[in-house]
C-alpha atoms as a PDB file:
ATOM      1  CA  MET A   1       3.511   7.647   3.180  1.00  0.00           C
ATOM      2  CA  PRO A   2       5.099   4.098   3.650  1.00  0.00           C
ATOM      3  CA  VAL A   3       6.646   2.726   0.635  1.00  0.00           C
ATOM      4  CA  LEU A   4       4.858  -0.109  -0.673  1.00  0.00           C
ATOM      5  CA  LEU A   5       6.780  -3.039  -1.114  1.00  0.00           C
ATOM      6  CA  PRO A   6       5.061  -5.328  -4.382  1.00  0.00           C
ATOM      7  CA  SER A   7       5.298  -8.964  -4.473  1.00  0.00           C
ATOM      8  CA  PRO A   8       7.151 -10.561  -7.497  1.00  0.00           C
ATOM      9  CA  GLU A   9       4.033 -11.187  -9.221  1.00  0.00           C
ATOM     10  CA  GLU A  10       3.339  -7.730  -8.812  1.00  0.00           C
ATOM     11  CA  ILE A  11       6.461  -6.350  -9.589  1.00  0.00           C
ATOM     12  CA  GLU A  12       6.040  -8.870 -13.080  1.00  0.00           C
ATOM     13  CA  ALA A  13       2.401  -7.600 -13.620  1.00  0.00           C
ATOM     14  CA  ALA A  14       3.329  -3.775 -13.623  1.00  0.00           C
ATOM     15  CA  LYS A  15       6.006  -4.131 -16.638  1.00  0.00           C
ATOM     16  CA  THR A  16       4.747  -2.425 -19.713  1.00  0.00           C
ATOM     17  CA  PRO A  17       4.157  -3.827 -22.960  1.00  0.00           C
ATOM     18  CA  LYS A  18       7.844  -3.592 -24.117  1.00  0.00           C
ATOM     19  CA  GLY A  19       8.720  -5.266 -20.927  1.00  0.00           C
ATOM     20  CA  ALA A  20      10.378  -2.609 -18.926  1.00  0.00           C
ATOM     21  CA  TRP A  21       8.746  -0.207 -15.750  1.00  0.00           C
ATOM     22  CA  THR A  22       7.709   3.446 -15.645  1.00  0.00           C
ATOM     23  CA  ARG A  23       9.857   5.987 -13.928  1.00  0.00           C
ATOM     24  CA  ALA A  24       6.593   6.689 -11.731  1.00  0.00           C
ATOM     25  CA  GLN A  25       6.221   3.117 -11.190  1.00  0.00           C
ATOM     26  CA  LEU A  26       9.683   2.455  -9.973  1.00  0.00           C
ATOM     27  CA  ALA A  27       9.200   5.905  -7.452  1.00  0.00           C
ATOM     28  CA  GLU A  28       6.349   4.414  -6.158  1.00  0.00           C
ATOM     29  CA  TRP A  29       8.093   1.546  -4.879  1.00  0.00           C
ATOM     30  CA  GLY A  30      11.050   3.971  -3.761  1.00  0.00           C
ATOM     31  CA  ILE A  31      13.426   2.835  -6.560  1.00  0.00           C
ATOM     32  CA  PRO A  32      15.377   5.929  -7.251  1.00  0.00           C
ATOM     33  CA  TRP A  33      15.781   6.837 -11.358  1.00  0.00           C
ATOM     34  CA  PRO A  34      17.612   5.457 -13.327  1.00  0.00           C
ATOM     35  CA  PRO A  35      17.451   1.885 -11.252  1.00  0.00           C
ATOM     36  CA  GLU A  36      20.497   0.560  -9.986  1.00  0.00           C
ATOM     37  CA  LYS A  37      21.611  -3.013 -11.536  1.00  0.00           C
ATOM     38  CA  GLY A  38      20.238  -5.614  -9.282  1.00  0.00           C
ATOM     39  CA  TRP A  39      17.139  -3.317  -7.698  1.00  0.00           C
ATOM     40  CA  LYS A  40      14.545  -5.641  -8.827  1.00  0.00           C
ATOM     41  CA  GLU A  41      16.306  -8.535  -6.531  1.00  0.00           C
ATOM     42  CA  ALA A  42      16.594  -6.329  -3.926  1.00  0.00           C
ATOM     43  CA  LEU A  43      13.005  -5.067  -3.775  1.00  0.00           C
ATOM     44  CA  VAL A  44      12.523  -8.895  -3.992  1.00  0.00           C
ATOM     45  CA  ALA A  45      14.479  -9.583  -0.935  1.00  0.00           C
ATOM     46  CA  ARG A  46      12.697  -6.738   0.865  1.00  0.00           C
ATOM     47  CA  TRP A  47       9.306  -8.196   0.037  1.00  0.00           C
ATOM     48  CA  GLU A  48      10.321 -11.736   1.343  1.00  0.00           C
ATOM     49  CA  SER A  49      12.084 -10.153   4.528  1.00  0.00           C
ATOM     50  CA  ALA A  50       8.831  -8.199   5.403  1.00  0.00           C
ATOM     51  CA  GLN A  51       6.843 -11.619   4.909  1.00  0.00           C
ATOM     52  CA  GLN A  52       8.927 -13.140   7.424  1.00  0.00           C
ATOM     53  CA  GLY A  53       7.560 -10.694  10.306  1.00  0.00           C
ATOM     54  CA  GLN A  54       3.908  -9.875   9.211  1.00  0.00           C
ATOM     55  CA  ALA A  55       1.254  -9.763  11.409  1.00  0.00           C
ATOM     56  CA  PRO A  56      -1.841 -11.644  10.423  1.00  0.00           C
ATOM     57  CA  THR A  57      -3.834 -10.728   7.513  1.00  0.00           C
ATOM     58  CA  THR A  58      -6.991  -9.792   9.361  1.00  0.00           C
ATOM     59  CA  PRO A  59      -6.065  -8.760  13.010  1.00  0.00           C
ATOM     60  CA  ALA A  60      -8.994  -9.063  15.648  1.00  0.00           C
ATOM     61  CA  PRO A  61     -10.734  -5.289  16.349  1.00  0.00           C
ATOM     62  CA  SER A  62      -9.400  -4.143  19.420  1.00  0.00           C
ATOM     63  CA  THR A  63     -13.764  -2.998  20.173  1.00  0.00           C
ATOM     64  CA  PRO A  64     -16.386  -4.648  19.092  1.00  0.00           C
ATOM     65  CA  PRO A  65     -18.628  -3.041  15.814  1.00  0.00           C
ATOM     66  CA  PRO A  66     -20.730  -0.134  16.898  1.00  0.00           C
ATOM     67  CA  GLY A  67     -24.408  -1.694  17.923  1.00  0.00           C
ATOM     68  CA  THR A  68     -23.059  -4.822  18.939  1.00  0.00           C
ATOM     69  CA  LEU A  69     -22.237  -4.238  22.521  1.00  0.00           C
ATOM     70  CA  ASP A  70     -25.017  -5.250  25.185  1.00  0.00           C
ATOM     71  CA  PHE A  71     -25.104  -3.636  28.097  1.00  0.00           C
ATOM     72  CA  GLY A  72     -27.843  -6.065  29.718  1.00  0.00           C
END
């Protein structure tokens, strides 16, 4: 399963009420426990790097949806 790269906003929104992140949440993002200093900055940098090469958000389908073909 690929690691999900959260946006900076998603990282902040995932904080617990005490202002930290759970071990399970960090594991989802591929961050080892205990997290090393600078993990958040590194994760944001990976997300930003991925955005540079991002494909269009809704690529055109390679084939038309079923029932839309007209064989005339």
